Amino acid sequence: MPSFRGFIAVDIPANKKIQEIEKEIKQTNPNIKLVETENIHITLKFLGDVQETLIDNIEQIITSAIQGVQPFSVKLQHTGVFPNVNYIKIIWIGIYDNGILSTITSKLEDQLESLGFPKEQRGFSPHLTIGRVKTAEHKEKLLQIIRKYEQEEFGDLIIDRVLLKKSELTPKGPIYSNLKEIILK
């Protein structure tokens, strides 16, 4: 049965401020895989391997999870790392939204479990991944940049759709395509 690597997300356009921090990071550490500006998104649920026959069911679950949710504003603000400054794997920008994304994610988790997708054990922490650290080389320079932008605002934007996305892994990085687009009304 054909399958694909999938996830549910909200796309985020990379503004000048996001491009600015990525450029600074790129100049300090070649052992970081920055997320291409066209691929920046908020992951609501990583699905992993998905049977193509489940696409319509997943679309129905997304539609149900956003029922009654109108387009809403999010604030992009602050920078940080996962899991911590001693062992950096992910560089992120924070998302603030009055809990709407968490509510949607919780509904997705509950409903997708019926299709065999296990619930995420970690709590949902809305963020934009902007880079993945491969090695700790030049860690102090990287931390200087993260601290520089720690209290920075990266702008506000309106969320008006949720996407079922396909991820094709290639040697040059992932290629994302939208399989379903569910509009908030």
C-alpha atoms as a PDB file:
ATOM      1  CA  MET A   1       0.000   0.000   0.000  1.00  0.00           C
ATOM      2  CA  PRO A   2       1.473   3.406  -0.933  1.00  0.00           C
ATOM      3  CA  SER A   3       2.462   5.632   1.971  1.00  0.00           C
ATOM      4  CA  PHE A   4       4.143   8.970   2.607  1.00  0.00           C
ATOM      5  CA  ARG A   5       5.911  10.767   5.453  1.00  0.00           C
ATOM      6  CA  GLY A   6       3.331  13.222   6.746  1.00  0.00           C
ATOM      7  CA  PHE A   7       2.584  15.929   9.259  1.00  0.00           C
ATOM      8  CA  ILE A   8      -0.077  18.517  10.083  1.00  0.00           C
ATOM      9  CA  ALA A   9       1.132  22.097  10.146  1.00  0.00           C
ATOM     10  CA  VAL A  10       0.593  25.803   9.711  1.00  0.00           C
ATOM     11  CA  ASP A  11       2.910  27.495   7.222  1.00  0.00           C
ATOM     12  CA  ILE A  12       4.691  30.653   8.364  1.00  0.00           C
ATOM     13  CA  PRO A  13       6.083  33.102   5.815  1.00  0.00           C
ATOM     14  CA  ALA A  14       9.684  34.021   6.635  1.00  0.00           C
ATOM     15  CA  ASN A  15       9.800  37.762   7.178  1.00  0.00           C
ATOM     16  CA  LYS A  16      12.946  39.935   7.106  1.00  0.00           C
ATOM     17  CA  LYS A  17      13.567  39.449  10.831  1.00  0.00           C
ATOM     18  CA  ILE A  18      13.545  35.628  10.519  1.00  0.00           C
ATOM     19  CA  GLN A  19      15.822  35.852   7.487  1.00  0.00           C
ATOM     20  CA  GLU A  20      18.129  38.157   9.473  1.00  0.00           C
ATOM     21  CA  ILE A  21      18.632  35.686  12.356  1.00  0.00           C
ATOM     22  CA  GLU A  22      19.116  32.791   9.910  1.00  0.00           C
ATOM     23  CA  LYS A  23      21.784  34.796   8.055  1.00  0.00           C
ATOM     24  CA  GLU A  24      23.632  35.534  11.315  1.00  0.00           C
ATOM     25  CA  ILE A  25      23.500  31.886  12.378  1.00  0.00           C
ATOM     26  CA  LYS A  26      24.732  30.745   8.972  1.00  0.00           C
ATOM     27  CA  GLN A  27      27.778  33.015   9.278  1.00  0.00           C
ATOM     28  CA  THR A  28      28.890  31.446  12.578  1.00  0.00           C
ATOM     29  CA  ASN A  29      28.387  27.720  12.296  1.00  0.00           C
ATOM     30  CA  PRO A  30      28.370  25.548   9.199  1.00  0.00           C
ATOM     31  CA  ASN A  31      27.318  22.541  11.340  1.00  0.00           C
ATOM     32  CA  ILE A  32      23.732  23.767  11.588  1.00  0.00           C
ATOM     33  CA  LYS A  33      21.024  22.788   9.121  1.00  0.00           C
ATOM     34  CA  LEU A  34      18.856  25.885   8.805  1.00  0.00           C
ATOM     35  CA  VAL A  35      15.246  25.443   7.760  1.00  0.00           C
ATOM     36  CA  GLU A  36      14.801  26.865   4.273  1.00  0.00           C
ATOM     37  CA  THR A  37      12.659  30.008   4.435  1.00  0.00           C
ATOM     38  CA  GLU A  38       9.968  28.432   2.237  1.00  0.00           C
ATOM     39  CA  ASN A  39       9.733  25.459   4.640  1.00  0.00           C
ATOM     40  CA  ILE A  40       9.204  27.338   7.923  1.00  0.00           C
ATOM     41  CA  HIS A  41       6.084  26.097   9.697  1.00  0.00           C
ATOM     42  CA  ILE A  42       4.517  25.234  13.038  1.00  0.00           C
ATOM     43  CA  THR A  43       4.142  21.467  13.356  1.00  0.00           C
ATOM     44  CA  LEU A  44       0.850  20.626  15.025  1.00  0.00           C
ATOM     45  CA  LYS A  45       1.270  16.856  14.705  1.00  0.00           C
ATOM     46  CA  PHE A  46       4.018  14.743  13.155  1.00  0.00           C
ATOM     47  CA  LEU A  47       2.382  11.648  11.707  1.00  0.00           C
ATOM     48  CA  GLY A  48       5.343   9.691  10.329  1.00  0.00           C
ATOM     49  CA  ASP A  49       4.492   7.012   7.762  1.00  0.00           C
ATOM     50  CA  VAL A  50       0.906   7.473   6.572  1.00  0.00           C
ATOM     51  CA  GLN A  51      -1.053   5.163   4.308  1.00  0.00           C
ATOM     52  CA  GLU A  52      -2.443   7.184   1.372  1.00  0.00           C
ATOM     53  CA  THR A  53      -5.853   5.631   2.029  1.00  0.00           C
ATOM     54  CA  LEU A  54      -6.036   7.663   5.274  1.00  0.00           C
ATOM     55  CA  ILE A  55      -5.736  11.110   3.631  1.00  0.00           C
ATOM     56  CA  ASP A  56      -9.497  11.771   3.557  1.00  0.00           C
ATOM     57  CA  ASN A  57      -9.924  10.541   7.154  1.00  0.00           C
ATOM     58  CA  ILE A  58      -7.121  12.855   8.311  1.00  0.00           C
ATOM     59  CA  GLU A  59      -8.723  15.762   6.434  1.00  0.00           C
ATOM     60  CA  GLN A  60     -12.016  15.070   8.256  1.00  0.00           C
ATOM     61  CA  ILE A  61     -10.207  14.999  11.617  1.00  0.00           C
ATOM     62  CA  ILE A  62      -8.469  18.326  10.883  1.00  0.00           C
ATOM     63  CA  THR A  63     -11.824  19.826   9.843  1.00  0.00           C
ATOM     64  CA  SER A  64     -13.362  18.595  13.104  1.00  0.00           C
ATOM     65  CA  ALA A  65     -10.444  19.886  15.213  1.00  0.00           C
ATOM     66  CA  ILE A  66     -10.770  23.422  13.806  1.00  0.00           C
ATOM     67  CA  GLN A  67     -14.578  23.488  13.891  1.00  0.00           C
ATOM     68  CA  GLY A  68     -15.675  26.947  15.052  1.00  0.00           C
ATOM     69  CA  VAL A  69     -12.136  28.387  14.998  1.00  0.00           C
ATOM     70  CA  GLN A  70     -11.928  31.615  13.050  1.00  0.00           C
ATOM     71  CA  PRO A  71      -8.679  33.033  11.640  1.00  0.00           C
ATOM     72  CA  PHE A  72      -6.544  34.208  14.566  1.00  0.00           C
ATOM     73  CA  SER A  73      -3.400  36.162  15.263  1.00  0.00           C
ATOM     74  CA  VAL A  74      -0.107  34.761  16.558  1.00  0.00           C
ATOM     75  CA  LYS A  75       2.928  36.649  17.781  1.00  0.00           C
ATOM     76  CA  LEU A  76       6.416  35.429  16.862  1.00  0.00           C
ATOM     77  CA  GLN A  77       8.671  36.351  19.754  1.00  0.00           C
ATOM     78  CA  HIS A  78      11.825  35.228  21.586  1.00  0.00           C
ATOM     79  CA  THR A  79      14.448  32.673  20.654  1.00  0.00           C
ATOM     80  CA  GLY A  80      15.602  29.565  22.440  1.00  0.00           C
ATOM     81  CA  VAL A  81      16.929  26.048  22.102  1.00  0.00           C
ATOM     82  CA  PHE A  82      15.789  22.476  22.750  1.00  0.00           C
ATOM     83  CA  PRO A  83      16.524  20.581  24.879  1.00  0.00           C
ATOM     84  CA  ASN A  84      18.848  23.050  26.708  1.00  0.00           C
ATOM     85  CA  VAL A  85      21.897  25.344  26.281  1.00  0.00           C
ATOM     86  CA  ASN A  86      24.283  22.561  27.306  1.00  0.00           C
ATOM     87  CA  TYR A  87      23.037  20.210  24.596  1.00  0.00           C
ATOM     88  CA  ILE A  88      21.587  22.191  21.699  1.00  0.00           C
ATOM     89  CA  LYS A  89      19.695  20.249  19.036  1.00  0.00           C
ATOM     90  CA  ILE A  90      17.001  22.716  17.902  1.00  0.00           C
ATOM     91  CA  ILE A  91      17.009  26.517  17.546  1.00  0.00           C
ATOM     92  CA  TRP A  92      13.514  27.992  17.761  1.00  0.00           C
ATOM     93  CA  ILE A  93      11.384  31.138  17.689  1.00  0.00           C
ATOM     94  CA  GLY A  94       8.462  31.177  20.136  1.00  0.00           C
ATOM     95  CA  ILE A  95       4.782  31.415  19.183  1.00  0.00           C
ATOM     96  CA  TYR A  96       2.185  33.162  21.380  1.00  0.00           C
ATOM     97  CA  ASP A  97      -1.506  32.805  20.536  1.00  0.00           C
ATOM     98  CA  ASN A  98      -3.899  32.639  23.544  1.00  0.00           C
ATOM     99  CA  GLY A  99      -3.824  28.817  23.495  1.00  0.00           C
ATOM    100  CA  ILE A 100      -5.689  28.289  20.215  1.00  0.00           C
ATOM    101  CA  LEU A 101      -2.927  26.166  18.648  1.00  0.00           C
ATOM    102  CA  SER A 102      -2.726  24.026  21.797  1.00  0.00           C
ATOM    103  CA  THR A 103      -6.494  23.448  21.703  1.00  0.00           C
ATOM    104  CA  ILE A 104      -6.369  22.413  18.034  1.00  0.00           C
ATOM    105  CA  THR A 105      -3.377  20.149  18.692  1.00  0.00           C
ATOM    106  CA  SER A 106      -5.099  18.479  21.633  1.00  0.00           C
ATOM    107  CA  LYS A 107      -8.167  17.712  19.488  1.00  0.00           C
ATOM    108  CA  LEU A 108      -5.944  16.382  16.699  1.00  0.00           C
ATOM    109  CA  GLU A 109      -4.066  14.129  19.152  1.00  0.00           C
ATOM    110  CA  ASP A 110      -7.313  12.704  20.577  1.00  0.00           C
ATOM    111  CA  GLN A 111      -8.959  12.073  17.216  1.00  0.00           C
ATOM    112  CA  LEU A 112      -5.892  10.807  15.322  1.00  0.00           C
ATOM    113  CA  GLU A 113      -5.363   8.125  17.942  1.00  0.00           C
ATOM    114  CA  SER A 114      -8.424   6.351  16.491  1.00  0.00           C
ATOM    115  CA  LEU A 115      -6.486   5.995  13.201  1.00  0.00           C
ATOM    116  CA  GLY A 116      -3.502   4.436  14.981  1.00  0.00           C
ATOM    117  CA  PHE A 117      -1.325   7.532  15.417  1.00  0.00           C
ATOM    118  CA  PRO A 118       0.094   7.476  18.952  1.00  0.00           C
ATOM    119  CA  LYS A 119      -0.361  10.537  21.144  1.00  0.00           C
ATOM    120  CA  GLU A 120       2.677  12.737  21.636  1.00  0.00           C
ATOM    121  CA  GLN A 121       4.064  12.184  25.135  1.00  0.00           C
ATOM    122  CA  ARG A 122       5.600  15.651  25.426  1.00  0.00           C
ATOM    123  CA  GLY A 123       3.270  18.592  25.868  1.00  0.00           C
ATOM    124  CA  PHE A 124       2.712  20.847  22.862  1.00  0.00           C
ATOM    125  CA  SER A 125       5.062  23.836  22.816  1.00  0.00           C
ATOM    126  CA  PRO A 126       4.243  26.111  19.859  1.00  0.00           C
ATOM    127  CA  HIS A 127       7.460  27.158  18.126  1.00  0.00           C
ATOM    128  CA  LEU A 128       9.141  27.615  14.759  1.00  0.00           C
ATOM    129  CA  THR A 129      12.167  25.420  14.267  1.00  0.00           C
ATOM    130  CA  ILE A 130      14.669  27.558  12.391  1.00  0.00           C
ATOM    131  CA  GLY A 131      17.710  25.293  12.698  1.00  0.00           C
ATOM    132  CA  ARG A 132      18.936  21.847  13.687  1.00  0.00           C
ATOM    133  CA  VAL A 133      22.367  21.650  15.284  1.00  0.00           C
ATOM    134  CA  LYS A 134      24.566  18.829  13.993  1.00  0.00           C
ATOM    135  CA  THR A 135      27.614  19.426  16.216  1.00  0.00           C
ATOM    136  CA  ALA A 136      28.457  21.774  19.083  1.00  0.00           C
ATOM    137  CA  GLU A 137      31.202  23.484  17.097  1.00  0.00           C
ATOM    138  CA  HIS A 138      31.157  27.297  17.619  1.00  0.00           C
ATOM    139  CA  LYS A 139      28.535  26.869  20.358  1.00  0.00           C
ATOM    140  CA  GLU A 140      29.438  30.143  22.118  1.00  0.00           C
ATOM    141  CA  LYS A 141      28.973  32.173  18.922  1.00  0.00           C
ATOM    142  CA  LEU A 142      25.606  30.486  18.395  1.00  0.00           C
ATOM    143  CA  LEU A 143      24.516  31.210  21.972  1.00  0.00           C
ATOM    144  CA  GLN A 144      25.494  34.881  21.524  1.00  0.00           C
ATOM    145  CA  ILE A 145      23.094  35.156  18.581  1.00  0.00           C
ATOM    146  CA  ILE A 146      20.306  33.332  20.425  1.00  0.00           C
ATOM    147  CA  ARG A 147      20.750  35.644  23.428  1.00  0.00           C
ATOM    148  CA  LYS A 148      20.818  38.694  21.132  1.00  0.00           C
ATOM    149  CA  TYR A 149      17.349  37.767  19.806  1.00  0.00           C
ATOM    150  CA  GLU A 150      16.060  36.292  23.087  1.00  0.00           C
ATOM    151  CA  GLN A 151      13.607  39.152  23.724  1.00  0.00           C
ATOM    152  CA  GLU A 152      13.128  40.125  20.082  1.00  0.00           C
ATOM    153  CA  GLU A 153       9.735  40.324  18.382  1.00  0.00           C
ATOM    154  CA  PHE A 154       9.576  38.739  14.938  1.00  0.00           C
ATOM    155  CA  GLY A 155       6.110  40.045  14.053  1.00  0.00           C
ATOM    156  CA  ASP A 156       2.438  39.105  14.135  1.00  0.00           C
ATOM    157  CA  LEU A 157       0.551  37.149  11.543  1.00  0.00           C
ATOM    158  CA  ILE A 158      -2.869  35.681  10.914  1.00  0.00           C
ATOM    159  CA  ILE A 159      -3.369  31.914  10.879  1.00  0.00           C
ATOM    160  CA  ASP A 160      -6.195  31.071   8.476  1.00  0.00           C
ATOM    161  CA  ARG A 161      -5.532  27.470   7.412  1.00  0.00           C
ATOM    162  CA  VAL A 162      -4.200  24.110   8.576  1.00  0.00           C
ATOM    163  CA  LEU A 163      -2.344  21.826   6.185  1.00  0.00           C
ATOM    164  CA  LEU A 164      -1.757  18.106   5.773  1.00  0.00           C
ATOM    165  CA  LYS A 165       1.762  18.036   4.388  1.00  0.00           C
ATOM    166  CA  LYS A 166       3.948  15.437   2.748  1.00  0.00           C
ATOM    167  CA  SER A 167       7.687  15.447   3.414  1.00  0.00           C
ATOM    168  CA  GLU A 168      10.104  13.887   0.945  1.00  0.00           C
ATOM    169  CA  LEU A 169      13.592  13.574   2.394  1.00  0.00           C
ATOM    170  CA  THR A 170      16.385  14.322  -0.074  1.00  0.00           C
ATOM    171  CA  PRO A 171      20.161  14.779   0.338  1.00  0.00           C
ATOM    172  CA  LYS A 172      19.649  18.552  -0.068  1.00  0.00           C
ATOM    173  CA  GLY A 173      16.919  18.665   2.587  1.00  0.00           C
ATOM    174  CA  PRO A 174      13.205  17.921   2.801  1.00  0.00           C
ATOM    175  CA  ILE A 175      10.745  18.865   0.090  1.00  0.00           C
ATOM    176  CA  TYR A 176       7.300  19.675   1.469  1.00  0.00           C
ATOM    177  CA  SER A 177       4.071  19.579  -0.483  1.00  0.00           C
ATOM    178  CA  ASN A 178       0.514  20.303   0.623  1.00  0.00           C
ATOM    179  CA  LEU A 179      -1.876  17.373   0.289  1.00  0.00           C
ATOM    180  CA  LYS A 180      -4.876  19.028   1.957  1.00  0.00           C
ATOM    181  CA  GLU A 181      -5.607  22.608   2.959  1.00  0.00           C
ATOM    182  CA  ILE A 182      -8.392  23.234   5.468  1.00  0.00           C
ATOM    183  CA  ILE A 183      -9.451  26.890   5.759  1.00  0.00           C
ATOM    184  CA  LEU A 184     -10.498  28.404   9.095  1.00  0.00           C
ATOM    185  CA  LYS A 185     -13.956  30.041   8.857  1.00  0.00           C
END
